[in-house]
Amino acid sequence: MKHKIDETIATRAYELWEKAGKPEGRDEEFWRLAEQELINEDKSSPRRTPDTL
């Protein structure tokens, strides 16, 4: 499961990095942004219940 999450974050981080013009040395920043998007998306999921936290 963790591998799938990391893969999702990596894909989104790459997309964000490309949109920003591919700046060098900011990989951690884009990883955190993508990770936060995933967390925010999960919080708003209608399928999210106390049982699935």
N, C-alpha and C. Protein backbone atom coordinates (compact mmCIF):
# COMPACT_ATOMS: atom_id res chain seq x y z
N MET A 1 0.83 -1.20 0.00
CA MET A 1 0.00 0.00 0.00
C MET A 1 0.87 1.26 0.00
N LYS A 2 1.91 1.27 0.83
CA LYS A 2 2.78 2.45 0.90
C LYS A 2 3.42 2.73 -0.45
N HIS A 3 3.80 1.68 -1.17
CA HIS A 3 4.42 1.86 -2.49
C HIS A 3 3.46 2.57 -3.44
N LYS A 4 2.20 2.20 -3.40
CA LYS A 4 1.19 2.82 -4.27
C LYS A 4 1.02 4.30 -3.92
N ILE A 5 1.00 4.60 -2.62
CA ILE A 5 0.87 6.00 -2.18
C ILE A 5 2.09 6.81 -2.63
N ASP A 6 3.29 6.25 -2.43
CA ASP A 6 4.51 6.94 -2.85
C ASP A 6 4.52 7.18 -4.36
N GLU A 7 4.02 6.21 -5.11
CA GLU A 7 3.96 6.34 -6.56
C GLU A 7 3.00 7.47 -6.95
N THR A 8 1.86 7.55 -6.28
CA THR A 8 0.88 8.60 -6.54
C THR A 8 1.46 9.97 -6.21
N ILE A 9 2.14 10.07 -5.09
CA ILE A 9 2.76 11.34 -4.69
C ILE A 9 3.84 11.73 -5.70
N ALA A 10 4.67 10.77 -6.09
CA ALA A 10 5.75 11.06 -7.05
C ALA A 10 5.20 11.56 -8.38
N THR A 11 4.13 10.95 -8.85
CA THR A 11 3.53 11.37 -10.11
C THR A 11 3.00 12.79 -10.00
N ARG A 12 2.30 13.08 -8.91
CA ARG A 12 1.74 14.43 -8.74
C ARG A 12 2.85 15.45 -8.53
N ALA A 13 3.87 15.10 -7.76
CA ALA A 13 4.99 16.02 -7.53
C ALA A 13 5.67 16.37 -8.85
N TYR A 14 5.81 15.38 -9.73
CA TYR A 14 6.41 15.63 -11.03
C TYR A 14 5.55 16.58 -11.85
N GLU A 15 4.24 16.38 -11.82
CA GLU A 15 3.33 17.28 -12.54
C GLU A 15 3.46 18.71 -12.03
N LEU A 16 3.48 18.87 -10.71
CA LEU A 16 3.62 20.21 -10.12
C LEU A 16 4.95 20.84 -10.49
N TRP A 17 6.01 20.03 -10.47
CA TRP A 17 7.35 20.51 -10.83
C TRP A 17 7.40 20.98 -12.27
N GLU A 18 6.79 20.21 -13.17
CA GLU A 18 6.74 20.61 -14.58
C GLU A 18 5.98 21.91 -14.76
N LYS A 19 4.82 22.04 -14.09
CA LYS A 19 4.02 23.27 -14.20
C LYS A 19 4.79 24.48 -13.71
N ALA A 20 5.66 24.27 -12.73
CA ALA A 20 6.44 25.38 -12.15
C ALA A 20 7.66 25.72 -12.99
N GLY A 21 7.85 25.03 -14.11
CA GLY A 21 8.98 25.35 -14.97
C GLY A 21 10.22 24.53 -14.69
N LYS A 22 10.08 23.42 -13.99
CA LYS A 22 11.17 22.48 -13.69
C LYS A 22 12.34 23.11 -12.93
N PRO A 23 12.05 23.82 -11.85
CA PRO A 23 13.14 24.45 -11.09
C PRO A 23 14.01 23.39 -10.39
N GLU A 24 15.30 23.64 -10.37
CA GLU A 24 16.23 22.70 -9.75
C GLU A 24 16.26 22.90 -8.23
N GLY A 25 16.52 21.80 -7.52
CA GLY A 25 16.74 21.86 -6.08
C GLY A 25 15.50 22.03 -5.23
N ARG A 26 14.32 21.81 -5.79
CA ARG A 26 13.09 22.00 -5.02
C ARG A 26 12.25 20.73 -4.96
N ASP A 27 12.90 19.58 -5.13
CA ASP A 27 12.17 18.32 -5.17
C ASP A 27 11.40 18.03 -3.90
N GLU A 28 11.99 18.33 -2.75
CA GLU A 28 11.30 18.10 -1.48
C GLU A 28 10.05 18.97 -1.35
N GLU A 29 10.14 20.19 -1.82
CA GLU A 29 9.00 21.11 -1.77
C GLU A 29 7.82 20.56 -2.59
N PHE A 30 8.11 20.07 -3.78
CA PHE A 30 7.05 19.54 -4.63
C PHE A 30 6.51 18.22 -4.08
N TRP A 31 7.38 17.43 -3.45
CA TRP A 31 6.91 16.19 -2.81
C TRP A 31 5.92 16.53 -1.70
N ARG A 32 6.27 17.52 -0.85
CA ARG A 32 5.38 17.91 0.25
C ARG A 32 4.05 18.47 -0.26
N LEU A 33 4.11 19.26 -1.32
CA LEU A 33 2.88 19.80 -1.91
C LEU A 33 1.97 18.68 -2.42
N ALA A 34 2.56 17.73 -3.12
CA ALA A 34 1.78 16.61 -3.64
C ALA A 34 1.22 15.75 -2.51
N GLU A 35 2.03 15.54 -1.49
CA GLU A 35 1.59 14.77 -0.32
C GLU A 35 0.41 15.46 0.37
N GLN A 36 0.49 16.77 0.50
CA GLN A 36 -0.58 17.52 1.14
C GLN A 36 -1.86 17.47 0.31
N GLU A 37 -1.73 17.54 -1.00
CA GLU A 37 -2.91 17.41 -1.86
C GLU A 37 -3.60 16.07 -1.64
N LEU A 38 -2.80 15.02 -1.55
CA LEU A 38 -3.36 13.68 -1.34
C LEU A 38 -4.06 13.60 0.01
N ILE A 39 -3.47 14.18 1.03
CA ILE A 39 -4.09 14.19 2.37
C ILE A 39 -5.40 14.96 2.33
N ASN A 40 -5.39 16.13 1.69
CA ASN A 40 -6.60 16.95 1.60
C ASN A 40 -7.70 16.25 0.81
N GLU A 41 -7.30 15.58 -0.24
CA GLU A 41 -8.27 14.84 -1.06
C GLU A 41 -8.89 13.72 -0.23
N ASP A 42 -8.10 13.04 0.55
CA ASP A 42 -8.60 11.95 1.38
C ASP A 42 -9.58 12.45 2.43
N LYS A 43 -9.32 13.62 3.01
CA LYS A 43 -10.19 14.17 4.04
C LYS A 43 -11.57 14.52 3.49
N SER A 44 -11.62 14.85 2.21
CA SER A 44 -12.90 15.24 1.63
C SER A 44 -13.63 14.07 0.96
N SER A 45 -13.04 12.91 1.03
CA SER A 45 -13.64 11.74 0.40
C SER A 45 -14.92 11.32 1.10
N PRO A 46 -16.00 11.16 0.35
CA PRO A 46 -17.26 10.73 0.97
C PRO A 46 -17.18 9.28 1.47
N ARG A 47 -16.19 8.52 0.98
CA ARG A 47 -16.03 7.14 1.43
C ARG A 47 -15.23 7.05 2.71
N ARG A 48 -14.72 8.15 3.18
CA ARG A 48 -13.88 8.16 4.38
C ARG A 48 -14.79 8.09 5.60
N THR A 49 -14.61 7.05 6.37
CA THR A 49 -15.41 6.86 7.59
C THR A 49 -14.45 6.53 8.72
N PRO A 50 -14.90 6.57 9.96
CA PRO A 50 -13.99 6.22 11.07
C PRO A 50 -13.37 4.84 10.91
N ASP A 51 -14.07 3.94 10.25
CA ASP A 51 -13.54 2.59 10.05
C ASP A 51 -12.37 2.55 9.06
N THR A 52 -12.30 3.53 8.16
CA THR A 52 -11.25 3.52 7.13
C THR A 52 -10.13 4.49 7.43
N LEU A 53 -10.10 5.10 8.58
CA LEU A 53 -9.04 6.06 8.91
C LEU A 53 -7.72 5.37 9.15
